[in-house]
């Protein structure tokens, strides 16, 4: 019985590390070329998006995921190496969600997009677990961006699905 207070004390110090966020993304999104795509990543109610860094990754078939950006606020955000400025982040605190915006959609944007949540920014110190591609509770299901293009000619309309 003497161990119960010790156990309770240890558990009280561990609750923060035991609480793992649940991230939810829609399974797919379709958008037209040249438009803006808005991908959402909703956090579980026990985790506030306002106090977290949101990370976004893009993965194309046969390649490892690459970091698109991290976003904490408009004044604390950073794009990954070689990522164009048409990729940007934001937060919707009323929906408790992180947002990835892709403006001027291009055919090469067709990919899987993953969100992650963390406590740090540019150093990515708490996202090292992503390096090996290990599936963790901080990783949600991919959001596949499906693009289509409509070509109009004098004779007919061709729809090309990408």
N, C-alpha and C. Protein backbone atom coordinates (compact mmCIF):
# COMPACT_ATOMS: atom_id res chain seq x y z
N UNK A 1 0.81 -1.20 0.00
CA UNK A 1 0.00 0.00 0.00
C UNK A 1 0.85 1.26 0.00
N UNK A 2 2.08 1.16 0.51
CA UNK A 2 2.95 2.33 0.56
C UNK A 2 3.37 2.77 -0.84
N UNK A 3 3.26 1.92 -1.83
CA UNK A 3 3.68 2.26 -3.19
C UNK A 3 2.61 3.06 -3.93
N UNK A 4 1.37 3.08 -3.46
CA UNK A 4 0.29 3.79 -4.16
C UNK A 4 0.58 5.29 -4.25
N UNK A 5 0.97 5.99 -3.17
CA UNK A 5 1.28 7.42 -3.32
C UNK A 5 2.43 7.67 -4.30
N UNK A 6 3.42 6.79 -4.29
CA UNK A 6 4.54 6.94 -5.22
C UNK A 6 4.06 6.78 -6.66
N UNK A 7 3.23 5.77 -6.90
CA UNK A 7 2.69 5.54 -8.24
C UNK A 7 1.85 6.72 -8.70
N UNK A 8 1.00 7.24 -7.83
CA UNK A 8 0.17 8.39 -8.18
C UNK A 8 1.03 9.61 -8.50
N UNK A 9 2.10 9.81 -7.74
CA UNK A 9 2.99 10.93 -7.99
C UNK A 9 3.66 10.78 -9.36
N UNK A 10 4.13 9.59 -9.68
CA UNK A 10 4.77 9.35 -10.97
C UNK A 10 3.79 9.56 -12.12
N UNK A 11 2.58 9.05 -11.98
CA UNK A 11 1.57 9.20 -13.03
C UNK A 11 1.19 10.66 -13.23
N UNK A 12 1.15 11.43 -12.14
CA UNK A 12 0.79 12.84 -12.28
C UNK A 12 1.84 13.60 -13.08
N UNK A 13 3.08 13.16 -13.05
CA UNK A 13 4.13 13.81 -13.83
C UNK A 13 4.18 13.30 -15.26
N UNK A 14 3.54 12.21 -15.55
CA UNK A 14 3.62 11.60 -16.88
C UNK A 14 2.41 11.90 -17.75
N UNK A 15 1.37 12.50 -17.22
CA UNK A 15 0.14 12.63 -18.00
C UNK A 15 0.35 13.40 -19.29
N UNK A 16 1.21 14.42 -19.27
CA UNK A 16 1.46 15.18 -20.49
C UNK A 16 2.07 14.32 -21.58
N UNK A 17 2.96 13.42 -21.22
CA UNK A 17 3.61 12.59 -22.24
C UNK A 17 2.71 11.45 -22.69
N UNK A 18 1.70 11.12 -21.90
CA UNK A 18 0.79 10.04 -22.29
C UNK A 18 -0.30 10.53 -23.23
N UNK A 19 -0.59 11.83 -23.18
CA UNK A 19 -1.65 12.37 -24.02
C UNK A 19 -1.14 12.53 -25.44
N UNK A 20 -1.55 11.67 -26.33
CA UNK A 20 -1.13 11.73 -27.72
C UNK A 20 -2.25 12.35 -28.55
N UNK A 21 -1.93 13.35 -29.36
CA UNK A 21 -2.97 13.97 -30.17
C UNK A 21 -3.49 13.02 -31.25
N UNK A 22 -4.75 13.15 -31.55
CA UNK A 22 -5.35 12.43 -32.66
C UNK A 22 -5.60 13.45 -33.75
N UNK A 23 -5.06 13.20 -34.93
CA UNK A 23 -5.18 14.11 -36.06
C UNK A 23 -6.07 13.48 -37.11
N UNK A 24 -7.00 14.26 -37.65
CA UNK A 24 -7.94 13.74 -38.63
C UNK A 24 -7.86 14.58 -39.90
N UNK A 25 -7.65 13.91 -41.02
CA UNK A 25 -7.65 14.55 -42.33
C UNK A 25 -8.70 13.89 -43.20
N UNK A 26 -9.32 14.65 -44.09
CA UNK A 26 -10.22 14.00 -45.05
C UNK A 26 -9.41 13.06 -45.94
N UNK A 27 -9.99 11.93 -46.36
CA UNK A 27 -9.22 10.96 -47.14
C UNK A 27 -8.81 11.47 -48.52
N UNK A 28 -9.59 12.39 -49.09
CA UNK A 28 -9.24 12.88 -50.43
C UNK A 28 -9.81 14.27 -50.64
N UNK A 29 -9.25 14.94 -51.62
CA UNK A 29 -9.69 16.27 -51.99
C UNK A 29 -9.50 16.41 -53.49
N UNK A 30 -10.51 16.89 -54.17
CA UNK A 30 -10.40 17.14 -55.61
C UNK A 30 -10.49 18.64 -55.84
N UNK A 31 -9.63 19.16 -56.69
CA UNK A 31 -9.61 20.58 -57.00
C UNK A 31 -9.15 20.79 -58.43
N UNK A 32 -9.53 21.90 -59.01
CA UNK A 32 -9.15 22.21 -60.39
C UNK A 32 -7.79 22.87 -60.45
N UNK A 33 -7.10 22.64 -61.55
CA UNK A 33 -5.81 23.29 -61.77
C UNK A 33 -5.98 24.81 -61.72
N UNK A 34 -5.01 25.48 -61.14
CA UNK A 34 -5.04 26.94 -61.07
C UNK A 34 -5.80 27.50 -59.89
N UNK A 35 -6.55 26.65 -59.18
CA UNK A 35 -7.33 27.13 -58.04
C UNK A 35 -6.54 26.96 -56.74
N UNK A 36 -7.19 27.26 -55.63
CA UNK A 36 -6.58 27.11 -54.31
C UNK A 36 -7.16 25.87 -53.63
N UNK A 37 -6.28 25.00 -53.15
CA UNK A 37 -6.71 23.83 -52.38
C UNK A 37 -6.52 24.14 -50.90
N UNK A 38 -7.50 23.75 -50.09
CA UNK A 38 -7.45 23.97 -48.64
C UNK A 38 -7.55 22.61 -47.97
N UNK A 39 -6.44 22.13 -47.44
CA UNK A 39 -6.40 20.84 -46.76
C UNK A 39 -6.45 21.08 -45.26
N UNK A 40 -7.29 20.32 -44.56
CA UNK A 40 -7.45 20.52 -43.12
C UNK A 40 -6.89 19.35 -42.33
N UNK A 41 -6.48 19.65 -41.12
CA UNK A 41 -5.96 18.66 -40.18
C UNK A 41 -6.55 19.01 -38.82
N UNK A 42 -7.58 18.28 -38.41
CA UNK A 42 -8.29 18.60 -37.17
C UNK A 42 -7.70 17.82 -36.01
N UNK A 43 -7.40 18.53 -34.93
CA UNK A 43 -6.83 17.92 -33.73
C UNK A 43 -7.92 17.46 -32.79
N UNK A 44 -7.62 16.46 -31.99
CA UNK A 44 -8.57 16.00 -30.97
C UNK A 44 -8.79 17.13 -29.96
N UNK A 45 -9.92 17.09 -29.28
CA UNK A 45 -10.33 18.18 -28.38
C UNK A 45 -9.37 18.42 -27.23
N UNK A 46 -8.63 17.40 -26.83
CA UNK A 46 -7.73 17.55 -25.68
C UNK A 46 -6.43 18.28 -26.04
N UNK A 47 -6.21 18.58 -27.32
CA UNK A 47 -5.01 19.27 -27.78
C UNK A 47 -5.45 20.55 -28.50
N UNK A 48 -4.91 21.70 -28.10
CA UNK A 48 -5.27 22.98 -28.71
C UNK A 48 -4.32 23.32 -29.85
N UNK A 49 -4.87 23.55 -31.04
CA UNK A 49 -4.05 23.89 -32.20
C UNK A 49 -3.34 25.23 -31.98
N UNK A 50 -3.93 26.09 -31.16
CA UNK A 50 -3.35 27.41 -30.92
C UNK A 50 -1.98 27.37 -30.29
N UNK A 51 -1.68 26.32 -29.54
CA UNK A 51 -0.40 26.23 -28.84
C UNK A 51 0.57 25.24 -29.48
N UNK A 52 0.26 24.78 -30.68
CA UNK A 52 1.09 23.76 -31.34
C UNK A 52 1.64 24.24 -32.67
N UNK A 53 2.76 23.66 -33.05
CA UNK A 53 3.30 23.83 -34.39
C UNK A 53 2.64 22.78 -35.28
N UNK A 54 2.22 23.20 -36.47
CA UNK A 54 1.67 22.28 -37.45
C UNK A 54 2.73 22.05 -38.53
N UNK A 55 2.97 20.80 -38.85
CA UNK A 55 3.92 20.42 -39.88
C UNK A 55 3.15 19.79 -41.03
N UNK A 56 3.55 20.09 -42.25
CA UNK A 56 2.92 19.49 -43.42
C UNK A 56 3.99 18.84 -44.29
N UNK A 57 3.67 17.64 -44.76
CA UNK A 57 4.58 16.83 -45.58
C UNK A 57 3.86 16.44 -46.86
N UNK A 58 4.62 16.31 -47.93
CA UNK A 58 4.09 15.85 -49.22
C UNK A 58 4.83 14.57 -49.59
N UNK A 59 4.07 13.58 -50.07
CA UNK A 59 4.70 12.35 -50.53
C UNK A 59 4.12 11.95 -51.87
N UNK A 60 5.01 11.72 -52.83
CA UNK A 60 4.63 11.24 -54.15
C UNK A 60 5.01 9.77 -54.24
N UNK A 61 4.33 9.00 -55.10
CA UNK A 61 4.61 7.56 -55.19
C UNK A 61 6.09 7.28 -55.43
N UNK A 62 6.62 6.34 -54.66
CA UNK A 62 8.00 5.90 -54.82
C UNK A 62 9.05 6.82 -54.23
N UNK A 63 8.63 7.88 -53.54
CA UNK A 63 9.59 8.81 -52.94
C UNK A 63 9.28 8.99 -51.45
N UNK A 64 10.29 9.34 -50.66
CA UNK A 64 10.03 9.58 -49.24
C UNK A 64 9.28 10.90 -49.06
N UNK A 65 8.60 11.07 -47.93
CA UNK A 65 7.92 12.35 -47.67
C UNK A 65 8.94 13.49 -47.60
N UNK A 66 8.52 14.66 -48.03
CA UNK A 66 9.38 15.85 -47.88
C UNK A 66 8.63 16.90 -47.07
N UNK A 67 9.38 17.67 -46.32
CA UNK A 67 8.78 18.71 -45.48
C UNK A 67 8.35 19.86 -46.37
N UNK A 68 7.06 20.20 -46.30
CA UNK A 68 6.57 21.38 -47.02
C UNK A 68 6.78 22.63 -46.18
N UNK A 69 6.30 22.57 -44.93
CA UNK A 69 6.39 23.74 -44.07
C UNK A 69 6.04 23.38 -42.64
N UNK A 70 6.39 24.30 -41.75
CA UNK A 70 5.80 24.27 -40.41
C UNK A 70 5.14 25.61 -40.20
N UNK A 71 4.10 25.62 -39.38
CA UNK A 71 3.34 26.85 -39.12
C UNK A 71 2.95 26.90 -37.65
N UNK A 72 3.30 28.01 -37.01
CA UNK A 72 2.83 28.29 -35.66
C UNK A 72 1.93 29.52 -35.68
N UNK A 73 2.40 30.56 -36.38
CA UNK A 73 1.63 31.79 -36.55
C UNK A 73 2.13 32.46 -37.83
N UNK A 74 1.46 33.54 -38.23
CA UNK A 74 1.89 34.23 -39.45
C UNK A 74 3.32 34.75 -39.34
N UNK A 75 3.76 35.05 -38.12
CA UNK A 75 5.13 35.54 -37.94
C UNK A 75 6.11 34.44 -37.57
N UNK A 76 5.63 33.21 -37.44
CA UNK A 76 6.49 32.08 -37.07
C UNK A 76 6.14 30.88 -37.95
N UNK A 77 6.63 30.93 -39.17
CA UNK A 77 6.38 29.87 -40.14
C UNK A 77 7.62 29.73 -41.03
N UNK A 78 7.80 28.56 -41.61
CA UNK A 78 8.96 28.36 -42.48
C UNK A 78 8.65 27.30 -43.51
N UNK A 79 9.01 27.60 -44.76
CA UNK A 79 8.88 26.63 -45.84
C UNK A 79 10.08 25.70 -45.83
N UNK A 80 9.87 24.47 -46.29
CA UNK A 80 10.97 23.53 -46.43
C UNK A 80 11.87 23.92 -47.59
N UNK A 81 13.03 23.29 -47.70
CA UNK A 81 13.98 23.61 -48.78
C UNK A 81 13.36 23.42 -50.16
N UNK A 82 13.44 24.45 -50.99
CA UNK A 82 12.95 24.37 -52.36
C UNK A 82 11.44 24.41 -52.52
N UNK A 83 10.70 24.67 -51.45
CA UNK A 83 9.24 24.70 -51.53
C UNK A 83 8.80 26.09 -51.97
N UNK A 84 7.99 26.20 -53.04
CA UNK A 84 7.56 27.52 -53.52
C UNK A 84 6.58 28.20 -52.56
N UNK A 85 6.52 29.52 -52.65
CA UNK A 85 5.70 30.31 -51.73
C UNK A 85 4.20 30.13 -51.95
N UNK A 86 3.79 29.39 -52.97
CA UNK A 86 2.36 29.14 -53.15
C UNK A 86 1.82 28.14 -52.13
N UNK A 87 2.73 27.51 -51.36
CA UNK A 87 2.35 26.67 -50.23
C UNK A 87 2.39 27.54 -48.98
N UNK A 88 1.32 27.51 -48.19
CA UNK A 88 1.29 28.30 -46.96
C UNK A 88 0.45 27.58 -45.91
N UNK A 89 0.62 28.00 -44.68
CA UNK A 89 -0.12 27.40 -43.58
C UNK A 89 -0.97 28.42 -42.87
N UNK A 90 -1.92 27.93 -42.10
CA UNK A 90 -2.73 28.76 -41.22
C UNK A 90 -3.38 27.85 -40.19
N UNK A 91 -4.14 28.45 -39.30
CA UNK A 91 -4.88 27.69 -38.29
C UNK A 91 -6.30 28.21 -38.22
N UNK A 92 -7.21 27.32 -37.93
CA UNK A 92 -8.60 27.68 -37.65
C UNK A 92 -8.86 27.26 -36.21
N UNK A 93 -8.69 28.21 -35.28
CA UNK A 93 -8.80 27.86 -33.86
C UNK A 93 -10.22 27.47 -33.47
N UNK A 94 -11.23 28.01 -34.16
CA UNK A 94 -12.61 27.64 -33.83
C UNK A 94 -12.90 26.18 -34.18
N UNK A 95 -12.22 25.66 -35.22
CA UNK A 95 -12.38 24.25 -35.61
C UNK A 95 -11.27 23.39 -35.04
N UNK A 96 -10.31 24.01 -34.33
CA UNK A 96 -9.14 23.32 -33.77
C UNK A 96 -8.41 22.54 -34.87
N UNK A 97 -8.11 23.26 -35.96
CA UNK A 97 -7.52 22.61 -37.13
C UNK A 97 -6.35 23.41 -37.69
N UNK A 98 -5.37 22.69 -38.22
CA UNK A 98 -4.31 23.29 -39.01
C UNK A 98 -4.73 23.25 -40.47
N UNK A 99 -4.28 24.23 -41.24
CA UNK A 99 -4.68 24.35 -42.64
C UNK A 99 -3.44 24.42 -43.52
N UNK A 100 -3.45 23.67 -44.62
CA UNK A 100 -2.44 23.81 -45.67
C UNK A 100 -3.15 24.40 -46.88
N UNK A 101 -2.63 25.52 -47.37
CA UNK A 101 -3.17 26.16 -48.56
C UNK A 101 -2.17 25.99 -49.70
N UNK A 102 -2.68 25.55 -50.85
CA UNK A 102 -1.85 25.44 -52.05
C UNK A 102 -2.52 26.30 -53.10
N UNK A 103 -1.91 27.41 -53.46
CA UNK A 103 -2.51 28.30 -54.45
C UNK A 103 -1.94 27.99 -55.83
N UNK A 104 -2.73 28.30 -56.85
CA UNK A 104 -2.30 28.04 -58.22
C UNK A 104 -1.93 26.59 -58.45
N UNK A 105 -2.86 25.69 -58.15
CA UNK A 105 -2.59 24.25 -58.25
C UNK A 105 -1.98 23.86 -59.60
N UNK A 106 -0.98 23.02 -59.53
CA UNK A 106 -0.29 22.54 -60.72
C UNK A 106 -0.34 21.02 -60.75
N UNK A 107 -0.17 20.41 -61.92
CA UNK A 107 -0.24 18.95 -62.01
C UNK A 107 0.72 18.24 -61.05
N UNK A 108 1.89 18.82 -60.82
CA UNK A 108 2.86 18.18 -59.93
C UNK A 108 2.46 18.23 -58.46
N UNK A 109 1.36 18.91 -58.13
CA UNK A 109 0.88 18.95 -56.74
C UNK A 109 0.08 17.70 -56.37
N UNK A 110 -0.21 16.86 -57.34
CA UNK A 110 -0.94 15.63 -57.03
C UNK A 110 -0.05 14.72 -56.19
N UNK A 111 -0.47 14.45 -54.96
CA UNK A 111 0.37 13.71 -54.01
C UNK A 111 -0.44 13.40 -52.76
N UNK A 112 0.17 12.69 -51.84
CA UNK A 112 -0.40 12.50 -50.50
C UNK A 112 0.18 13.58 -49.60
N UNK A 113 -0.66 14.15 -48.76
CA UNK A 113 -0.25 15.21 -47.84
C UNK A 113 -0.52 14.75 -46.42
N UNK A 114 0.48 14.87 -45.58
CA UNK A 114 0.37 14.45 -44.19
C UNK A 114 0.57 15.64 -43.27
N UNK A 115 -0.19 15.67 -42.21
CA UNK A 115 0.03 16.69 -41.18
C UNK A 115 0.61 16.03 -39.94
N UNK A 116 1.31 16.82 -39.16
CA UNK A 116 1.83 16.38 -37.87
C UNK A 116 1.79 17.57 -36.94
N UNK A 117 1.83 17.32 -35.65
CA UNK A 117 1.77 18.38 -34.66
C UNK A 117 2.97 18.24 -33.73
N UNK A 118 3.50 19.37 -33.27
CA UNK A 118 4.66 19.32 -32.40
C UNK A 118 4.77 20.53 -31.50
N UNK A 119 5.86 20.56 -30.74
CA UNK A 119 6.08 21.62 -29.76
C UNK A 119 7.17 22.58 -30.15
N UNK A 120 7.89 22.33 -31.24
CA UNK A 120 9.01 23.19 -31.60
C UNK A 120 8.98 23.52 -33.08
N UNK A 121 9.78 24.52 -33.46
CA UNK A 121 9.74 25.01 -34.82
C UNK A 121 10.91 24.60 -35.67
N UNK A 122 11.73 25.57 -36.05
CA UNK A 122 12.76 25.37 -37.07
C UNK A 122 13.69 24.20 -36.78
N UNK A 123 13.98 23.93 -35.51
CA UNK A 123 14.86 22.81 -35.19
C UNK A 123 14.22 21.46 -35.39
N UNK A 124 12.91 21.41 -35.47
CA UNK A 124 12.16 20.16 -35.65
C UNK A 124 12.60 19.11 -34.64
N UNK A 125 12.96 19.54 -33.43
CA UNK A 125 13.54 18.61 -32.46
C UNK A 125 12.59 17.49 -32.05
N UNK A 126 11.29 17.78 -32.02
CA UNK A 126 10.39 16.73 -31.58
C UNK A 126 9.78 15.97 -32.74
N UNK A 127 10.26 16.19 -33.96
CA UNK A 127 9.72 15.46 -35.10
C UNK A 127 10.75 14.50 -35.69
N UNK A 128 11.80 14.23 -34.95
CA UNK A 128 12.82 13.31 -35.45
C UNK A 128 12.23 11.94 -35.73
N UNK A 129 11.17 11.59 -35.05
CA UNK A 129 10.53 10.29 -35.27
C UNK A 129 10.03 10.13 -36.70
N UNK A 130 9.90 11.24 -37.44
CA UNK A 130 9.44 11.17 -38.82
C UNK A 130 10.55 10.70 -39.76
N UNK A 131 11.79 10.83 -39.33
CA UNK A 131 12.89 10.54 -40.22
C UNK A 131 12.87 9.13 -40.79
N UNK A 132 12.49 8.15 -40.00
CA UNK A 132 12.49 6.77 -40.47
C UNK A 132 11.19 6.38 -41.16
N UNK A 133 10.24 7.27 -41.17
CA UNK A 133 8.95 6.95 -41.77
C UNK A 133 8.11 6.05 -40.90
N UNK A 134 8.43 5.95 -39.63
CA UNK A 134 7.68 5.11 -38.71
C UNK A 134 6.29 5.68 -38.49
N UNK A 135 5.29 4.82 -38.51
CA UNK A 135 3.93 5.25 -38.25
C UNK A 135 3.78 5.52 -36.76
N UNK A 136 3.44 6.76 -36.41
CA UNK A 136 3.25 7.14 -35.01
C UNK A 136 1.87 7.73 -34.82
N UNK A 137 1.49 7.91 -33.57
CA UNK A 137 0.17 8.48 -33.30
C UNK A 137 0.08 9.94 -33.70
N UNK A 138 1.23 10.57 -33.96
CA UNK A 138 1.21 11.96 -34.40
C UNK A 138 0.95 12.08 -35.89
N UNK A 139 0.89 10.96 -36.60
CA UNK A 139 0.69 10.96 -38.04
C UNK A 139 -0.75 10.57 -38.34
N UNK A 140 -1.40 11.34 -39.21
CA UNK A 140 -2.77 11.01 -39.58
C UNK A 140 -2.79 10.36 -40.95
N UNK A 141 -3.96 10.00 -41.40
CA UNK A 141 -4.13 9.39 -42.71
C UNK A 141 -3.78 10.40 -43.79
N UNK A 142 -3.30 9.95 -44.94
CA UNK A 142 -2.94 10.89 -46.00
C UNK A 142 -4.17 11.54 -46.62
N UNK A 143 -3.98 12.74 -47.09
CA UNK A 143 -5.03 13.44 -47.82
C UNK A 143 -4.56 13.52 -49.27
N UNK A 144 -5.17 12.76 -50.15
CA UNK A 144 -4.75 12.70 -51.55
C UNK A 144 -5.40 13.84 -52.33
N UNK A 145 -4.58 14.61 -52.98
CA UNK A 145 -5.07 15.72 -53.78
C UNK A 145 -5.21 15.23 -55.21
N UNK A 146 -6.43 15.15 -55.69
CA UNK A 146 -6.70 14.69 -57.05
C UNK A 146 -7.02 15.90 -57.91
N UNK A 147 -6.27 16.07 -58.96
CA UNK A 147 -6.45 17.23 -59.83
C UNK A 147 -7.05 16.79 -61.17
N UNK A 148 -7.85 17.67 -61.74
CA UNK A 148 -8.31 17.42 -63.09
C UNK A 148 -8.23 18.72 -63.87
N UNK A 149 -8.15 18.55 -65.16
CA UNK A 149 -8.00 19.70 -66.04
C UNK A 149 -9.06 19.59 -67.13
N UNK A 150 -9.69 20.71 -67.43
CA UNK A 150 -10.68 20.74 -68.50
C UNK A 150 -10.11 21.57 -69.65
N UNK A 151 -10.06 20.96 -70.82
CA UNK A 151 -9.60 21.67 -72.01
C UNK A 151 -10.81 21.95 -72.89
N UNK A 152 -10.94 23.17 -73.35
CA UNK A 152 -12.06 23.54 -74.22
C UNK A 152 -11.50 23.85 -75.60
N UNK A 153 -12.06 23.16 -76.59
CA UNK A 153 -11.67 23.41 -77.97
C UNK A 153 -12.90 23.87 -78.74
N UNK A 154 -12.73 24.24 -79.99
CA UNK A 154 -13.86 24.70 -80.79
C UNK A 154 -14.85 23.58 -81.07
N UNK A 155 -14.38 22.35 -81.13
CA UNK A 155 -15.24 21.24 -81.51
C UNK A 155 -15.92 20.61 -80.30
N UNK A 156 -15.16 20.32 -79.24
CA UNK A 156 -15.74 19.63 -78.09
C UNK A 156 -14.96 19.97 -76.82
N UNK A 157 -15.38 19.37 -75.73
CA UNK A 157 -14.72 19.55 -74.45
C UNK A 157 -14.08 18.24 -74.04
N UNK A 158 -12.79 18.27 -73.78
CA UNK A 158 -12.07 17.08 -73.32
C UNK A 158 -11.79 17.24 -71.84
N UNK A 159 -12.15 16.25 -71.06
CA UNK A 159 -11.80 16.24 -69.64
C UNK A 159 -10.65 15.26 -69.46
N UNK A 160 -9.55 15.73 -68.98
CA UNK A 160 -8.40 14.88 -68.73
C UNK A 160 -8.24 14.71 -67.24
N UNK A 161 -8.34 13.49 -66.76
CA UNK A 161 -8.17 13.21 -65.33
C UNK A 161 -6.72 12.90 -65.07
N UNK A 162 -6.16 13.56 -64.09
CA UNK A 162 -4.76 13.36 -63.73
C UNK A 162 -4.70 12.48 -62.51
